[in-house]
N, C-alpha and C. Protein backbone atom coordinates (compact mmCIF):
# COMPACT_ATOMS: atom_id res chain seq x y z
N UNK A 1 117.67 177.14 254.77
CA UNK A 1 116.52 176.60 254.06
C UNK A 1 116.80 175.12 253.79
N UNK A 2 116.08 174.27 254.43
CA UNK A 2 116.28 172.82 254.29
C UNK A 2 115.48 172.31 253.09
N UNK A 3 116.12 171.53 252.28
CA UNK A 3 115.45 170.90 251.15
C UNK A 3 115.81 169.42 251.15
N UNK A 4 115.06 168.66 250.41
CA UNK A 4 115.23 167.21 250.44
C UNK A 4 116.43 166.75 249.62
N UNK A 5 116.84 165.52 249.89
CA UNK A 5 117.91 164.90 249.14
C UNK A 5 117.51 164.73 247.68
N UNK A 6 116.23 164.42 247.44
CA UNK A 6 115.75 164.29 246.06
C UNK A 6 115.92 165.59 245.30
N UNK A 7 115.61 166.72 245.96
CA UNK A 7 115.80 168.02 245.31
C UNK A 7 117.28 168.26 245.00
N UNK A 8 118.13 167.88 245.95
CA UNK A 8 119.57 168.04 245.75
C UNK A 8 120.02 167.31 244.49
N UNK A 9 119.59 166.06 244.33
CA UNK A 9 120.03 165.29 243.17
C UNK A 9 119.33 165.71 241.87
N UNK A 10 118.26 166.47 241.97
CA UNK A 10 117.68 167.06 240.76
C UNK A 10 118.49 168.28 240.31
N UNK A 11 119.01 169.02 241.27
CA UNK A 11 119.79 170.22 240.97
C UNK A 11 121.29 169.95 240.77
N UNK A 12 121.76 168.80 241.28
CA UNK A 12 123.20 168.54 241.28
C UNK A 12 123.50 167.12 240.85
N UNK A 13 124.66 166.96 240.23
CA UNK A 13 125.20 165.64 239.94
C UNK A 13 126.48 165.54 240.75
N UNK A 14 126.72 164.40 241.36
CA UNK A 14 127.90 164.21 242.21
C UNK A 14 128.80 163.14 241.60
N UNK A 15 130.08 163.46 241.51
CA UNK A 15 131.07 162.51 241.00
C UNK A 15 132.07 162.25 242.12
N UNK A 16 132.29 160.99 242.45
CA UNK A 16 133.34 160.63 243.40
C UNK A 16 134.65 160.61 242.62
N UNK A 17 135.51 161.56 242.89
CA UNK A 17 136.69 161.79 242.06
C UNK A 17 137.68 160.64 242.05
N UNK A 18 137.98 160.04 243.19
CA UNK A 18 138.98 158.98 243.19
C UNK A 18 138.48 157.72 242.50
N UNK A 19 137.17 157.53 242.45
CA UNK A 19 136.62 156.38 241.72
C UNK A 19 136.61 156.63 240.22
N UNK A 20 136.35 157.86 239.87
CA UNK A 20 136.22 158.21 238.45
C UNK A 20 137.58 158.41 237.77
N UNK A 21 138.55 158.93 238.51
CA UNK A 21 139.83 159.28 237.92
C UNK A 21 140.95 158.53 238.63
N UNK A 22 141.43 157.51 237.96
CA UNK A 22 142.49 156.67 238.50
C UNK A 22 143.71 157.50 238.86
N UNK A 23 144.23 157.30 240.03
CA UNK A 23 145.42 158.02 240.44
C UNK A 23 145.15 159.41 240.97
N UNK A 24 143.88 159.79 241.13
CA UNK A 24 143.54 161.12 241.64
C UNK A 24 144.07 161.28 243.06
N UNK A 25 144.76 162.39 243.32
CA UNK A 25 145.35 162.61 244.64
C UNK A 25 144.97 163.95 245.24
N UNK A 26 144.00 164.62 244.66
CA UNK A 26 143.59 165.93 245.18
C UNK A 26 142.89 165.84 246.52
N UNK A 27 142.74 166.97 247.16
CA UNK A 27 142.08 167.01 248.47
C UNK A 27 140.58 166.76 248.37
N UNK A 28 139.97 167.28 247.32
CA UNK A 28 138.52 167.16 247.18
C UNK A 28 138.15 165.71 246.91
N UNK A 29 137.11 165.24 247.58
CA UNK A 29 136.65 163.86 247.37
C UNK A 29 135.58 163.80 246.29
N UNK A 30 134.81 164.86 246.13
CA UNK A 30 133.69 164.85 245.20
C UNK A 30 133.71 166.10 244.32
N UNK A 31 133.12 165.97 243.14
CA UNK A 31 132.83 167.11 242.28
C UNK A 31 131.31 167.22 242.24
N UNK A 32 130.82 168.41 242.46
CA UNK A 32 129.38 168.66 242.41
C UNK A 32 129.13 169.51 241.17
N UNK A 33 128.34 168.96 240.26
CA UNK A 33 128.05 169.64 239.00
C UNK A 33 126.66 170.25 239.11
N UNK A 34 126.60 171.56 238.95
CA UNK A 34 125.33 172.27 239.11
C UNK A 34 125.38 173.62 238.42
N UNK A 35 124.21 174.16 238.13
CA UNK A 35 124.11 175.53 237.62
C UNK A 35 123.89 176.53 238.75
N UNK A 36 123.74 176.03 239.97
CA UNK A 36 123.55 176.93 241.11
C UNK A 36 124.88 177.60 241.46
N UNK A 37 124.77 178.84 241.94
CA UNK A 37 125.98 179.50 242.44
C UNK A 37 126.38 178.81 243.75
N UNK A 38 127.62 179.03 244.17
CA UNK A 38 128.08 178.41 245.43
C UNK A 38 127.23 178.86 246.61
N UNK A 39 126.89 180.14 246.63
CA UNK A 39 126.09 180.64 247.76
C UNK A 39 124.69 180.03 247.75
N UNK A 40 124.08 179.92 246.57
CA UNK A 40 122.75 179.31 246.47
C UNK A 40 122.81 177.82 246.82
N UNK A 41 123.86 177.16 246.38
CA UNK A 41 124.05 175.74 246.69
C UNK A 41 124.13 175.54 248.20
N UNK A 42 124.94 176.37 248.88
CA UNK A 42 125.08 176.26 250.34
C UNK A 42 123.79 176.63 251.06
N UNK A 43 123.09 177.60 250.55
CA UNK A 43 121.84 178.04 251.17
C UNK A 43 120.79 176.93 251.11
N UNK A 44 120.68 176.27 249.96
CA UNK A 44 119.66 175.24 249.78
C UNK A 44 120.04 173.88 250.37
N UNK A 45 121.31 173.52 250.28
CA UNK A 45 121.69 172.12 250.54
C UNK A 45 122.85 171.96 251.53
N UNK A 46 122.89 172.80 252.54
CA UNK A 46 124.03 172.74 253.47
C UNK A 46 124.13 171.37 254.16
N UNK A 47 123.02 170.76 254.50
CA UNK A 47 123.09 169.45 255.19
C UNK A 47 123.61 168.36 254.26
N UNK A 48 123.22 168.37 252.99
CA UNK A 48 123.72 167.37 252.03
C UNK A 48 125.20 167.61 251.73
N UNK A 49 125.62 168.87 251.69
CA UNK A 49 127.00 169.20 251.37
C UNK A 49 127.97 168.78 252.47
N UNK A 50 127.52 168.79 253.73
CA UNK A 50 128.38 168.39 254.84
C UNK A 50 128.91 166.97 254.65
N UNK A 51 128.09 166.10 254.08
CA UNK A 51 128.48 164.70 253.87
C UNK A 51 129.50 164.54 252.75
N UNK A 52 129.63 165.55 251.91
CA UNK A 52 130.47 165.45 250.72
C UNK A 52 131.79 166.22 250.84
N UNK A 53 132.04 166.83 251.98
CA UNK A 53 133.27 167.63 252.14
C UNK A 53 134.48 166.73 252.16
N UNK A 54 135.58 167.19 251.62
CA UNK A 54 135.75 168.37 250.77
C UNK A 54 135.31 168.08 249.33
N UNK A 55 134.83 169.11 248.67
CA UNK A 55 134.32 168.96 247.30
C UNK A 55 134.68 170.18 246.48
N UNK A 56 134.51 170.03 245.18
CA UNK A 56 134.70 171.13 244.25
C UNK A 56 133.39 171.29 243.48
N UNK A 57 133.02 172.52 243.17
CA UNK A 57 131.79 172.79 242.43
C UNK A 57 132.17 173.09 240.97
N UNK A 58 131.51 172.38 240.07
CA UNK A 58 131.72 172.57 238.63
C UNK A 58 130.42 173.01 237.98
N UNK A 59 130.53 173.79 236.92
CA UNK A 59 129.35 174.18 236.17
C UNK A 59 128.86 172.99 235.34
N UNK A 60 127.65 173.07 234.85
CA UNK A 60 127.13 172.00 234.00
C UNK A 60 127.94 171.88 232.71
N UNK A 61 128.46 173.01 232.21
CA UNK A 61 129.30 172.97 231.01
C UNK A 61 130.57 172.16 231.27
N UNK A 62 131.18 172.37 232.45
CA UNK A 62 132.36 171.59 232.81
C UNK A 62 132.01 170.11 232.94
N UNK A 63 130.90 169.83 233.55
CA UNK A 63 130.45 168.45 233.69
C UNK A 63 130.20 167.80 232.35
N UNK A 64 129.62 168.55 231.41
CA UNK A 64 129.37 168.02 230.08
C UNK A 64 130.68 167.73 229.35
N UNK A 65 131.66 168.58 229.53
CA UNK A 65 132.97 168.35 228.91
C UNK A 65 133.59 167.05 229.44
N UNK A 66 133.45 166.80 230.72
CA UNK A 66 133.95 165.57 231.32
C UNK A 66 133.22 164.36 230.74
N UNK A 67 131.91 164.45 230.63
CA UNK A 67 131.12 163.36 230.06
C UNK A 67 131.50 163.10 228.59
N UNK A 68 131.67 164.19 227.83
CA UNK A 68 132.05 164.05 226.42
C UNK A 68 133.39 163.35 226.29
N UNK A 69 134.35 163.71 227.14
CA UNK A 69 135.65 163.05 227.10
C UNK A 69 135.50 161.55 227.39
N UNK A 70 134.70 161.22 228.40
CA UNK A 70 134.47 159.81 228.73
C UNK A 70 133.81 159.06 227.58
N UNK A 71 132.84 159.70 226.93
CA UNK A 71 132.17 159.06 225.79
C UNK A 71 133.14 158.84 224.64
N UNK A 72 134.04 159.80 224.41
CA UNK A 72 135.04 159.63 223.34
C UNK A 72 135.99 158.49 223.67
N UNK A 73 136.40 158.38 224.93
CA UNK A 73 137.25 157.27 225.32
C UNK A 73 136.53 155.94 225.14
N UNK A 74 135.24 155.90 225.50
CA UNK A 74 134.45 154.68 225.33
C UNK A 74 134.32 154.31 223.85
N UNK A 75 134.09 155.32 222.99
CA UNK A 75 133.99 155.04 221.56
C UNK A 75 135.30 154.47 221.03
N UNK A 76 136.42 155.05 221.46
CA UNK A 76 137.72 154.57 221.02
C UNK A 76 137.93 153.13 221.49
N UNK A 77 137.58 152.85 222.72
CA UNK A 77 137.72 151.50 223.26
C UNK A 77 136.87 150.52 222.47
N UNK A 78 135.62 150.87 222.19
CA UNK A 78 134.75 149.97 221.44
C UNK A 78 135.29 149.72 220.03
N UNK A 79 135.81 150.76 219.41
CA UNK A 79 136.41 150.58 218.09
C UNK A 79 137.60 149.63 218.16
N UNK A 80 138.39 149.79 219.21
CA UNK A 80 139.54 148.90 219.39
C UNK A 80 139.07 147.46 219.60
N UNK A 81 138.07 147.28 220.46
CA UNK A 81 137.59 145.93 220.76
C UNK A 81 136.96 145.27 219.54
N UNK A 82 136.37 146.07 218.64
CA UNK A 82 135.81 145.53 217.39
C UNK A 82 136.90 145.22 216.38
N UNK A 83 138.09 145.74 216.61
CA UNK A 83 139.18 145.52 215.67
C UNK A 83 139.32 146.61 214.64
N UNK A 84 138.60 147.72 214.81
CA UNK A 84 138.70 148.82 213.86
C UNK A 84 139.96 149.65 214.08
N UNK A 85 140.50 149.62 215.29
CA UNK A 85 141.71 150.36 215.65
C UNK A 85 142.63 149.36 216.33
N UNK A 86 143.88 149.44 216.03
CA UNK A 86 144.83 148.50 216.61
C UNK A 86 145.87 149.24 217.43
N UNK A 87 146.19 148.69 218.57
CA UNK A 87 147.34 149.16 219.34
C UNK A 87 148.42 148.15 219.05
N UNK A 88 149.48 148.61 218.45
CA UNK A 88 150.57 147.68 218.17
C UNK A 88 151.83 148.24 218.75
N UNK A 89 152.66 147.36 219.22
CA UNK A 89 153.94 147.79 219.78
C UNK A 89 154.93 147.94 218.65
N UNK A 90 155.05 146.96 217.87
CA UNK A 90 155.91 146.93 216.70
C UNK A 90 155.81 145.51 216.17
N UNK A 91 156.47 145.21 215.07
CA UNK A 91 156.51 143.84 214.60
C UNK A 91 157.44 143.09 215.53
N UNK A 92 156.89 142.14 216.25
CA UNK A 92 157.70 141.42 217.22
C UNK A 92 157.20 139.99 217.32
N UNK A 93 158.05 139.11 217.76
CA UNK A 93 157.61 137.75 217.99
C UNK A 93 157.38 137.55 219.48
N UNK A 94 156.76 136.46 219.81
CA UNK A 94 156.42 136.16 221.20
C UNK A 94 157.66 136.13 222.10
N UNK A 95 158.77 135.63 221.59
CA UNK A 95 159.99 135.53 222.40
C UNK A 95 160.49 136.90 222.83
N UNK A 96 160.35 137.89 221.95
CA UNK A 96 160.82 139.23 222.28
C UNK A 96 160.01 139.82 223.42
N UNK A 97 158.70 139.65 223.36
CA UNK A 97 157.85 140.16 224.43
C UNK A 97 158.11 139.41 225.73
N UNK A 98 158.25 138.12 225.65
CA UNK A 98 158.54 137.33 226.85
C UNK A 98 159.85 137.78 227.51
N UNK A 99 160.73 138.39 226.72
CA UNK A 99 162.02 138.84 227.24
C UNK A 99 161.86 139.92 228.30
N UNK A 100 160.71 140.56 228.36
CA UNK A 100 160.50 141.59 229.37
C UNK A 100 160.25 140.99 230.74
N UNK A 101 160.02 139.72 230.81
CA UNK A 101 159.82 139.08 232.11
C UNK A 101 161.18 138.79 232.72
N UNK A 102 161.19 138.51 234.01
CA UNK A 102 162.45 138.24 234.71
C UNK A 102 163.05 136.95 234.18
N UNK A 103 164.36 136.95 233.97
CA UNK A 103 165.03 135.78 233.42
C UNK A 103 166.42 135.67 234.02
N UNK A 104 167.03 134.54 233.84
CA UNK A 104 168.37 134.35 234.37
C UNK A 104 169.42 134.80 233.35
N UNK A 105 170.66 134.92 233.81
CA UNK A 105 171.75 135.40 232.96
C UNK A 105 172.01 134.50 231.76
N UNK A 106 171.88 133.19 231.93
CA UNK A 106 172.13 132.26 230.83
C UNK A 106 171.14 132.49 229.70
N UNK A 107 169.89 132.67 230.03
CA UNK A 107 168.87 132.93 229.01
C UNK A 107 169.20 134.21 228.25
N UNK A 108 169.61 135.24 228.98
CA UNK A 108 169.94 136.52 228.35
C UNK A 108 171.13 136.36 227.40
N UNK A 109 172.13 135.58 227.77
CA UNK A 109 173.31 135.38 226.92
C UNK A 109 172.96 134.63 225.64
N UNK A 110 171.92 133.80 225.68
CA UNK A 110 171.54 133.01 224.52
C UNK A 110 170.78 133.83 223.48
N UNK A 111 170.31 134.98 223.87
CA UNK A 111 169.56 135.81 222.93
C UNK A 111 170.50 136.46 221.93
N UNK A 112 169.96 136.73 220.80
CA UNK A 112 170.75 137.45 219.80
C UNK A 112 170.93 138.90 220.25
N UNK A 113 171.92 139.54 219.70
CA UNK A 113 172.18 140.95 220.02
C UNK A 113 170.96 141.81 219.69
N UNK A 114 170.32 141.52 218.56
CA UNK A 114 169.14 142.30 218.16
C UNK A 114 168.01 142.15 219.17
N UNK A 115 167.79 140.94 219.65
CA UNK A 115 166.75 140.72 220.66
C UNK A 115 167.08 141.47 221.94
N UNK A 116 168.34 141.46 222.33
CA UNK A 116 168.74 142.16 223.55
C UNK A 116 168.55 143.67 223.40
N UNK A 117 168.89 144.19 222.22
CA UNK A 117 168.72 145.62 221.99
C UNK A 117 167.25 146.02 222.04
N UNK A 118 166.40 145.20 221.41
CA UNK A 118 164.97 145.49 221.42
C UNK A 118 164.41 145.40 222.84
N UNK A 119 164.84 144.40 223.57
CA UNK A 119 164.42 144.26 224.96
C UNK A 119 164.83 145.49 225.78
N UNK A 120 166.05 145.96 225.57
CA UNK A 120 166.52 147.15 226.28
C UNK A 120 165.68 148.38 225.95
N UNK A 121 165.27 148.50 224.69
CA UNK A 121 164.40 149.61 224.28
C UNK A 121 163.07 149.52 225.02
N UNK A 122 162.48 148.34 225.05
CA UNK A 122 161.20 148.16 225.75
C UNK A 122 161.34 148.52 227.23
N UNK A 123 162.37 147.98 227.85
CA UNK A 123 162.55 148.22 229.29
C UNK A 123 162.76 149.71 229.57
N UNK A 124 163.59 150.36 228.77
CA UNK A 124 163.84 151.79 228.96
C UNK A 124 162.55 152.59 228.79
N UNK A 125 161.79 152.28 227.76
CA UNK A 125 160.52 152.98 227.52
C UNK A 125 159.57 152.77 228.69
N UNK A 126 159.47 151.56 229.16
CA UNK A 126 158.54 151.27 230.25
C UNK A 126 159.02 151.84 231.58
N UNK A 127 160.31 152.12 231.71
CA UNK A 127 160.81 152.78 232.92
C UNK A 127 160.25 154.18 233.06
N UNK A 128 159.92 154.81 231.94
CA UNK A 128 159.36 156.16 232.00
C UNK A 128 157.84 156.15 232.13
N UNK A 129 157.23 154.97 232.10
CA UNK A 129 155.78 154.85 232.32
C UNK A 129 155.50 154.87 233.81
N UNK A 130 154.27 155.20 234.16
CA UNK A 130 153.89 155.11 235.58
C UNK A 130 153.82 153.63 235.95
N UNK A 131 153.90 153.32 237.24
CA UNK A 131 153.79 151.91 237.64
C UNK A 131 152.49 151.26 237.13
N UNK A 132 151.40 152.00 237.16
CA UNK A 132 150.13 151.46 236.68
C UNK A 132 150.17 151.20 235.18
N UNK A 133 150.70 152.15 234.41
CA UNK A 133 150.80 151.97 232.96
C UNK A 133 151.65 150.75 232.63
N UNK A 134 152.79 150.66 233.31
CA UNK A 134 153.70 149.53 233.07
C UNK A 134 153.00 148.22 233.43
N UNK A 135 152.32 148.17 234.56
CA UNK A 135 151.64 146.95 235.00
C UNK A 135 150.58 146.52 233.99
N UNK A 136 149.74 147.45 233.56
CA UNK A 136 148.67 147.11 232.62
C UNK A 136 149.24 146.69 231.28
N UNK A 137 150.32 147.36 230.83
CA UNK A 137 150.94 147.00 229.56
C UNK A 137 151.48 145.57 229.62
N UNK A 138 152.16 145.24 230.71
CA UNK A 138 152.71 143.89 230.86
C UNK A 138 151.59 142.86 230.96
N UNK A 139 150.55 143.18 231.74
CA UNK A 139 149.43 142.24 231.85
C UNK A 139 148.79 141.98 230.48
N UNK A 140 148.68 143.04 229.67
CA UNK A 140 148.03 142.89 228.37
C UNK A 140 148.96 142.27 227.33
N UNK A 141 150.12 142.90 227.10
CA UNK A 141 150.98 142.47 226.00
C UNK A 141 151.83 141.24 226.33
N UNK A 142 152.20 141.07 227.58
CA UNK A 142 153.03 139.92 227.92
C UNK A 142 152.19 138.74 228.37
N UNK A 143 151.28 139.03 229.30
CA UNK A 143 150.50 137.94 229.89
C UNK A 143 149.22 137.63 229.13
N UNK A 144 148.86 138.48 228.17
CA UNK A 144 147.73 138.19 227.30
C UNK A 144 146.36 138.44 227.90
N UNK A 145 146.29 139.20 228.99
CA UNK A 145 144.99 139.51 229.56
C UNK A 145 144.27 140.54 228.70
N UNK A 146 142.96 140.41 228.58
CA UNK A 146 142.18 141.42 227.87
C UNK A 146 142.00 142.63 228.78
N UNK A 147 141.60 143.76 228.20
CA UNK A 147 141.35 144.95 229.00
C UNK A 147 140.24 144.68 230.02
N UNK A 148 139.24 143.93 229.62
CA UNK A 148 138.14 143.59 230.51
C UNK A 148 138.64 142.76 231.69
N UNK A 149 139.49 141.80 231.42
CA UNK A 149 140.04 140.96 232.49
C UNK A 149 140.89 141.78 233.45
N UNK A 150 141.71 142.66 232.91
CA UNK A 150 142.55 143.50 233.77
C UNK A 150 141.69 144.41 234.63
N UNK A 151 140.68 145.02 234.01
CA UNK A 151 139.79 145.92 234.75
C UNK A 151 139.13 145.19 235.91
N UNK A 152 138.64 143.99 235.66
CA UNK A 152 137.99 143.22 236.72
C UNK A 152 138.99 142.85 237.81
N UNK A 153 140.17 142.44 237.41
CA UNK A 153 141.20 142.03 238.35
C UNK A 153 141.67 143.20 239.22
N UNK A 154 141.80 144.38 238.62
CA UNK A 154 142.33 145.55 239.32
C UNK A 154 141.25 146.43 239.96
N UNK A 155 139.99 146.13 239.68
CA UNK A 155 138.91 146.96 240.22
C UNK A 155 138.85 148.34 239.59
N UNK A 156 139.21 148.43 238.31
CA UNK A 156 139.22 149.70 237.57
C UNK A 156 138.27 149.61 236.40
N UNK A 157 137.98 150.74 235.78
CA UNK A 157 137.11 150.74 234.61
C UNK A 157 137.92 150.30 233.38
N UNK A 158 137.22 149.75 232.40
CA UNK A 158 137.88 149.31 231.16
C UNK A 158 138.54 150.50 230.46
N UNK A 159 137.87 151.66 230.34
CA UNK A 159 138.55 152.79 229.70
C UNK A 159 139.82 153.23 230.44
N UNK A 160 139.84 153.13 231.76
CA UNK A 160 141.03 153.48 232.53
C UNK A 160 142.18 152.54 232.19
N UNK A 161 141.88 151.23 232.16
CA UNK A 161 142.90 150.24 231.83
C UNK A 161 143.39 150.45 230.40
N UNK A 162 142.45 150.62 229.49
CA UNK A 162 142.80 150.83 228.08
C UNK A 162 143.69 152.06 227.92
N UNK A 163 143.31 153.17 228.54
CA UNK A 163 144.05 154.41 228.42
C UNK A 163 145.46 154.27 228.98
N UNK A 164 145.58 153.64 230.15
CA UNK A 164 146.91 153.44 230.75
C UNK A 164 147.78 152.55 229.87
N UNK A 165 147.21 151.49 229.35
CA UNK A 165 147.95 150.57 228.49
C UNK A 165 148.36 151.28 227.20
N UNK A 166 147.48 152.06 226.64
CA UNK A 166 147.79 152.80 225.42
C UNK A 166 148.90 153.81 225.66
N UNK A 167 148.84 154.52 226.80
CA UNK A 167 149.88 155.50 227.10
C UNK A 167 151.25 154.83 227.21
N UNK A 168 151.31 153.68 227.88
CA UNK A 168 152.58 152.94 227.98
C UNK A 168 153.03 152.48 226.60
N UNK A 169 152.09 152.01 225.81
CA UNK A 169 152.43 151.54 224.46
C UNK A 169 152.95 152.68 223.60
N UNK A 170 152.39 153.87 223.76
CA UNK A 170 152.88 155.04 223.03
C UNK A 170 154.34 155.32 223.37
N UNK A 171 154.71 155.14 224.64
CA UNK A 171 156.10 155.33 225.05
C UNK A 171 157.02 154.31 224.37
N UNK A 172 156.54 153.07 224.27
CA UNK A 172 157.33 152.02 223.61
C UNK A 172 157.51 152.35 222.13
N UNK A 173 156.43 152.73 221.47
CA UNK A 173 156.50 153.07 220.04
C UNK A 173 157.45 154.24 219.82
N UNK A 174 157.34 155.26 220.67
CA UNK A 174 158.22 156.44 220.55
C UNK A 174 159.68 156.02 220.71
N UNK A 175 159.98 155.16 221.68
CA UNK A 175 161.36 154.72 221.91
C UNK A 175 161.89 153.95 220.70
N UNK A 176 161.07 153.12 220.13
CA UNK A 176 161.48 152.34 218.95
C UNK A 176 161.74 153.28 217.77
N UNK A 177 160.86 154.25 217.59
CA UNK A 177 161.03 155.20 216.48
C UNK A 177 162.29 156.03 216.66
N UNK A 178 162.61 156.42 217.89
CA UNK A 178 163.81 157.21 218.13
C UNK A 178 165.08 156.43 217.78
N UNK A 179 165.08 155.15 218.08
CA UNK A 179 166.23 154.31 217.76
C UNK A 179 166.37 154.12 216.26
N UNK A 180 165.24 154.05 215.57
CA UNK A 180 165.27 153.79 214.13
C UNK A 180 165.51 155.04 213.30
N UNK A 181 165.57 156.21 213.92
CA UNK A 181 165.80 157.46 213.17
C UNK A 181 167.26 157.64 212.82
């Protein structure tokens, strides 16, 4: 039973998974959100589905849960951007953060023992972050880029950049707290 593309998009919502979820490595390229059963979906829209293979079918409830999560992340980001919520690494001066950049041995020897210890904590914490988390954290906290600037530069969404940076920052805070216990 052939039906139009317009009918397909009235019955289904399509999400391109690798665009929506940074770092997605699954086989499926798309998620199709619908209340139709798989057999009904294939019966009505087999020609449209061929273009989307491989895909996963999600219920509307699952799709709503995904949307709700995205809206919550957006609300958190907006609160952060307004200054209602702060992401802080710890009380630190600019020199300590700059210490995470590559430097020569002489510069390292000139630092106080406390600065070196703090730098080691940061580096160790960031070693357990993903490369993306570490990159975004350094771009934001060291290089001073805003989340918007990083998102534009990396071709990612602002919530993705914010979330990755926050996750890396959580690792840094945890490492600092463990040392101070």
